[in-house]
Amino acid sequence: NVNSITANGATAHGLETYSVDGFYWNTITANNSTGCGLLLNNTKNWSGSSVYAYNCCYGGGYAGFRVANTNQVGTVNYVSADRCGRGIFSLTGSRDATINNCYIRNCSGIGIWIQDSYNTKVKAGTVENCAGGCYAITGGSGNSVTVTCK
């Protein structure tokens, strides 16, 4: 369990988990990272209050908040991603992730991408000024994104 982490100038991800069962955090902040702000890999039963990502992998494929590799069952209350490669990215068989609210802006790629995932939901928020567009859902099933696109 993590209360608060701030990663500035990380040469990889701000924070990454792998194969963890039960991960809880309050606030994760990542600035100027070459990878994700927060990456949950093959992690299950997770929850968090907020993720703040600024300039994480701008021009690349990583996201401010990413769940991957059969990640399972979790909720984050709020994701803010500004000038990241992507804002939110769920992929490779991840399932049952809920993002309650988000503010995604100025990403070099797509704001929100749900790819080959299941029952992944972004319930509210705003996506604006992302070069790759607002959001896409490709593959998987039971996914939904409910945001305002600007």
Foldseek 3Di string as FASTA:
>chain_A
DEEEAEAEQAAEEQEEDACAEEEEYEEQEYENYLAESYEYENYEDYEYAEFHYEQHNAVDDHENYEYEHQYEAYEYAEYEYARHQEHYEYDDAHERYEYAEYEAEHGQAEHYEYEQYELYEYREYEYEHHNRFHYDYYHYDNYYYDYHYD
